[in-house]
């Protein structure tokens, strides 16, 4: 792992009494440009990730079996009176790597470009939310999600150039490790994110009504924006999600 612009990503929590196995966070601040509220939680040996901008309509599932998917909920089809098979719910499917005895597996990432953060008047004042300092202009905050091998003791992250954000343990004693870092928005990264944005816009047009399950905001000219979530794939990293405004 290479170091980025800065590994100093401050995390401040409004409620120190965090629920075991649950990490709720927002990049930014209540009255400042920010992301939507995200939730990462562990149930048994499975990991679930979703954004409040889509409610429970879509989520990432990283299963203990190694099978992973980004999936649309059954309720989404039911609300529209649509018939569906379980396979119709899957947007993307893949297999994750397994942790080795002395090596964690890099399984997922979440990306938050500074350019996509917005002041959100509709954002509720949530308890148990960790507020993460946003990246500087021209950069993105990146959260890396690893699975460390089973152990009774928490794994050490002292050798990592990234900052530890959260540790959670699964039923099998495997550890979910969330690390953060800030990286510049290079031309290569911009191309990857532009591709994800285009796909996210097409998905939003097909499946999400304007205003449903999202936090709208307004540009300076008064026009409306909407949060959409894009799926990011690259040869050098595991899959991930990025939040955009369109």
Protein backbone atom coordinates (compact mmCIF):
# COMPACT_ATOMS: atom_id res chain seq x y z
CA UNK A 1 0.00 0.00 0.00
CA UNK A 2 1.34 3.41 -0.94
CA UNK A 3 0.94 6.52 1.19
CA UNK A 4 -1.28 9.30 -0.14
CA UNK A 5 -1.63 13.02 0.37
CA UNK A 6 -2.14 12.48 4.07
CA UNK A 7 -2.79 9.57 6.40
CA UNK A 8 -4.16 11.94 9.07
CA UNK A 9 -7.93 11.42 8.82
CA UNK A 10 -9.55 12.53 12.05
CA UNK A 11 -12.66 10.66 13.19
CA UNK A 12 -14.93 12.27 15.75
CA UNK A 13 -18.04 10.57 17.13
CA UNK A 14 -21.20 12.23 18.42
CA UNK A 15 -21.87 9.20 20.62
CA UNK A 16 -18.99 7.27 22.12
CA UNK A 17 -21.26 4.30 22.95
CA UNK A 18 -20.92 2.61 19.54
CA UNK A 19 -22.91 -0.56 18.98
CA UNK A 20 -20.75 -3.69 18.65
CA UNK A 21 -20.47 -4.84 15.05
CA UNK A 22 -21.88 -1.59 13.61
CA UNK A 23 -20.03 1.38 12.10
CA UNK A 24 -22.14 4.37 11.05
CA UNK A 25 -20.27 7.31 9.59
CA UNK A 26 -20.48 10.45 7.52
CA UNK A 27 -17.62 12.22 5.71
CA UNK A 28 -17.84 15.94 6.51
CA UNK A 29 -19.99 17.73 9.08
CA UNK A 30 -23.61 18.45 9.97
CA UNK A 31 -23.55 22.06 8.71
CA UNK A 32 -20.71 21.60 6.18
CA UNK A 33 -20.37 19.74 2.85
CA UNK A 34 -20.70 16.03 3.58
CA UNK A 35 -21.57 12.60 2.25
CA UNK A 36 -24.75 10.75 3.07
CA UNK A 37 -24.67 8.57 6.19
CA UNK A 38 -23.17 5.13 5.57
CA UNK A 39 -23.46 1.95 7.58
CA UNK A 40 -21.08 -1.02 7.71
CA UNK A 41 -22.13 -3.87 9.96
CA UNK A 42 -21.23 -7.46 10.73
CA UNK A 43 -23.85 -10.17 11.21
CA UNK A 44 -22.41 -13.60 11.92
CA UNK A 45 -19.62 -13.93 9.35
CA UNK A 46 -21.30 -11.66 6.80
CA UNK A 47 -20.62 -7.97 6.15
CA UNK A 48 -23.23 -5.52 4.84
CA UNK A 49 -22.64 -2.01 3.49
CA UNK A 50 -25.19 0.57 2.41
CA UNK A 51 -25.78 4.30 2.09
CA UNK A 52 -28.71 6.30 3.42
CA UNK A 53 -28.96 7.94 -0.02
CA UNK A 54 -30.50 4.67 -1.29
CA UNK A 55 -32.14 3.61 1.96
CA UNK A 56 -32.33 -0.18 2.00
CA UNK A 57 -33.04 -0.42 -1.74
CA UNK A 58 -29.47 -1.48 -2.55
CA UNK A 59 -26.64 -2.87 -0.46
CA UNK A 60 -23.34 -4.69 -0.71
CA UNK A 61 -23.14 -8.12 0.91
CA UNK A 62 -19.74 -9.71 1.58
CA UNK A 63 -20.48 -13.21 2.80
CA UNK A 64 -18.37 -15.50 4.95
CA UNK A 65 -18.54 -18.04 2.10
CA UNK A 66 -16.56 -15.63 -0.10
CA UNK A 67 -19.53 -14.87 -2.37
CA UNK A 68 -20.23 -11.12 -2.68
CA UNK A 69 -22.83 -9.03 -4.46
CA UNK A 70 -24.27 -5.58 -4.86
CA UNK A 71 -27.97 -6.28 -4.80
CA UNK A 72 -31.35 -4.56 -5.10
CA UNK A 73 -33.78 -5.45 -2.32
CA UNK A 74 -36.86 -7.59 -2.93
CA UNK A 75 -38.95 -4.76 -1.46
CA UNK A 76 -37.88 -2.53 -4.36
CA UNK A 77 -39.55 -4.91 -6.83
CA UNK A 78 -42.59 -5.46 -4.60
CA UNK A 79 -43.28 -1.71 -4.26
CA UNK A 80 -43.46 -1.49 -8.06
CA UNK A 81 -45.62 -4.58 -8.47
CA UNK A 82 -42.87 -6.29 -10.50
CA UNK A 83 -42.33 -10.02 -10.73
CA UNK A 84 -38.72 -11.05 -10.16
CA UNK A 85 -36.40 -13.97 -9.62
CA UNK A 86 -33.68 -13.82 -7.00
CA UNK A 87 -31.02 -13.54 -9.71
CA UNK A 88 -32.75 -10.41 -11.04
CA UNK A 89 -31.78 -8.60 -7.83
CA UNK A 90 -28.01 -8.85 -8.42
CA UNK A 91 -26.36 -5.78 -9.96
CA UNK A 92 -22.80 -7.13 -9.65
CA UNK A 93 -21.47 -10.47 -8.31
CA UNK A 94 -17.90 -11.47 -7.46
CA UNK A 95 -15.78 -13.64 -5.16
CA UNK A 96 -13.58 -12.04 -2.50
CA UNK A 97 -10.10 -13.09 -1.43
CA UNK A 98 -9.62 -14.97 1.85
CA UNK A 99 -7.25 -13.82 4.60
CA UNK A 100 -4.08 -15.88 5.00
CA UNK A 101 -2.55 -16.87 8.38
CA UNK A 102 -0.21 -13.88 8.37
CA UNK A 103 -1.88 -11.63 5.80
CA UNK A 104 -5.20 -9.75 5.71
CA UNK A 105 -7.36 -9.79 2.57
CA UNK A 106 -8.30 -6.47 0.95
CA UNK A 107 -12.01 -7.03 0.18
CA UNK A 108 -13.74 -3.69 -0.51
CA UNK A 109 -13.35 0.11 -0.66
CA UNK A 110 -15.48 3.25 -0.31
CA UNK A 111 -14.50 6.46 -2.12
CA UNK A 112 -15.54 10.02 -1.26
CA UNK A 113 -14.21 12.70 -3.66
CA UNK A 114 -14.22 16.20 -2.16
CA UNK A 115 -15.96 17.47 -5.31
CA UNK A 116 -19.03 15.32 -4.53
CA UNK A 117 -19.63 16.45 -0.93
CA UNK A 118 -22.56 18.83 -0.42
CA UNK A 119 -24.31 20.75 2.36
CA UNK A 120 -27.43 18.71 3.03
CA UNK A 121 -30.22 20.60 4.83
CA UNK A 122 -32.24 17.37 5.07
CA UNK A 123 -29.48 15.46 6.85
CA UNK A 124 -30.79 14.39 10.27
CA UNK A 125 -28.80 14.82 13.47
CA UNK A 126 -27.92 11.18 14.05
CA UNK A 127 -26.59 9.59 17.21
CA UNK A 128 -23.88 6.92 17.02
CA UNK A 129 -22.42 8.47 13.86
CA UNK A 130 -18.68 8.95 13.40
CA UNK A 131 -17.97 12.21 11.56
CA UNK A 132 -14.85 11.89 9.42
CA UNK A 133 -12.85 14.96 8.38
CA UNK A 134 -13.34 15.53 4.62
CA UNK A 135 -10.48 15.46 2.11
CA UNK A 136 -8.96 18.72 0.76
CA UNK A 137 -9.87 20.15 -2.63
CA UNK A 138 -8.74 17.97 -5.53
CA UNK A 139 -8.54 14.81 -3.41
CA UNK A 140 -10.69 11.91 -2.22
CA UNK A 141 -11.07 10.15 1.12
CA UNK A 142 -10.73 6.40 0.66
CA UNK A 143 -11.84 3.79 3.19
CA UNK A 144 -10.19 0.40 2.71
CA UNK A 145 -11.92 -2.67 4.14
CA UNK A 146 -9.80 -5.68 5.04
CA UNK A 147 -10.48 -9.09 6.57
CA UNK A 148 -7.79 -10.19 9.02
CA UNK A 149 -7.36 -13.88 9.95
CA UNK A 150 -9.14 -15.28 13.01
CA UNK A 151 -7.61 -14.28 16.33
CA UNK A 152 -8.77 -13.69 19.88
CA UNK A 153 -6.77 -10.45 19.89
CA UNK A 154 -7.30 -7.44 17.64
CA UNK A 155 -4.82 -7.27 14.74
CA UNK A 156 -2.10 -4.63 14.76
CA UNK A 157 -2.17 -1.97 12.03
CA UNK A 158 1.04 -0.25 13.17
CA UNK A 159 2.88 -1.13 9.93
CA UNK A 160 0.16 0.33 7.68
CA UNK A 161 0.60 3.86 6.25
CA UNK A 162 -3.16 4.31 6.60
CA UNK A 163 -5.13 5.32 9.68
CA UNK A 164 -7.22 2.81 11.60
CA UNK A 165 -10.86 3.86 11.66
CA UNK A 166 -12.75 0.84 13.00
CA UNK A 167 -12.27 -2.77 14.09
CA UNK A 168 -15.13 -5.29 14.29
CA UNK A 169 -15.02 -9.04 14.90
CA UNK A 170 -17.10 -11.67 13.13
CA UNK A 171 -18.50 -14.83 14.69
CA UNK A 172 -15.55 -16.90 13.42
CA UNK A 173 -13.16 -14.42 15.13
CA UNK A 174 -12.16 -12.99 11.74
CA UNK A 175 -11.57 -9.23 12.05
CA UNK A 176 -13.08 -6.53 9.84
CA UNK A 177 -10.55 -3.70 9.62
CA UNK A 178 -11.46 -0.27 8.21
CA UNK A 179 -8.52 1.98 7.28
CA UNK A 180 -8.59 5.49 5.82
CA UNK A 181 -6.31 7.61 3.65
CA UNK A 182 -6.53 10.64 1.35
CA UNK A 183 -5.38 10.46 -2.27
CA UNK A 184 -5.12 13.05 -5.07
CA UNK A 185 -7.62 12.81 -7.91
CA UNK A 186 -5.22 11.85 -10.70
CA UNK A 187 -6.28 11.74 -14.36
CA UNK A 188 -6.35 7.94 -14.23
CA UNK A 189 -8.56 7.97 -11.15
CA UNK A 190 -10.83 10.57 -12.73
CA UNK A 191 -11.37 8.27 -15.75
CA UNK A 192 -12.27 5.37 -13.45
CA UNK A 193 -14.70 7.51 -11.48
CA UNK A 194 -16.23 9.06 -14.62
CA UNK A 195 -17.00 5.54 -15.87
CA UNK A 196 -18.60 4.67 -12.52
CA UNK A 197 -20.60 7.92 -12.64
CA UNK A 198 -21.99 7.12 -16.09
CA UNK A 199 -23.05 3.63 -14.99
CA UNK A 200 -24.57 5.00 -11.77
CA UNK A 201 -26.58 7.58 -13.69
CA UNK A 202 -27.99 4.89 -15.97
CA UNK A 203 -28.90 2.72 -12.98
CA UNK A 204 -30.52 5.65 -11.18
CA UNK A 205 -32.57 6.52 -14.26
CA UNK A 206 -33.80 2.92 -14.49
CA UNK A 207 -34.47 2.14 -10.86
CA UNK A 208 -34.74 5.10 -8.48
CA UNK A 209 -37.43 7.75 -8.49
CA UNK A 210 -36.13 11.29 -8.04
CA UNK A 211 -36.22 12.12 -4.35
CA UNK A 212 -36.87 8.58 -3.13
CA UNK A 213 -34.39 7.38 -0.52
CA UNK A 214 -31.96 10.19 -1.36
CA UNK A 215 -30.74 13.45 0.12
CA UNK A 216 -31.23 16.15 -2.53
CA UNK A 217 -29.26 19.37 -2.49
CA UNK A 218 -29.08 22.48 -4.64
CA UNK A 219 -26.31 24.00 -6.71
CA UNK A 220 -25.52 27.70 -6.47
CA UNK A 221 -27.85 28.36 -9.41
CA UNK A 222 -30.73 26.69 -7.60
CA UNK A 223 -30.85 23.56 -9.75
CA UNK A 224 -31.41 20.25 -7.96
CA UNK A 225 -28.85 17.52 -7.39
CA UNK A 226 -29.28 13.92 -6.28
CA UNK A 227 -26.94 11.40 -4.69
CA UNK A 228 -26.23 8.27 -6.73
CA UNK A 229 -23.90 5.38 -5.92
CA UNK A 230 -21.45 4.02 -8.48
CA UNK A 231 -19.66 0.66 -8.51
CA UNK A 232 -15.89 0.96 -9.01
CA UNK A 233 -13.72 -1.78 -10.48
CA UNK A 234 -10.01 -1.61 -11.29
CA UNK A 235 -7.28 -4.22 -11.89
CA UNK A 236 -5.18 -3.08 -8.92
CA UNK A 237 -7.84 -2.92 -6.20
CA UNK A 238 -10.90 -4.81 -4.95
CA UNK A 239 -14.36 -3.56 -5.96
CA UNK A 240 -15.81 -0.49 -4.28
CA UNK A 241 -18.56 2.11 -4.18
CA UNK A 242 -18.32 5.86 -4.79
CA UNK A 243 -20.95 8.49 -4.00
CA UNK A 244 -21.70 11.06 -6.72
CA UNK A 245 -23.95 14.06 -7.13
CA UNK A 246 -25.88 14.33 -10.42
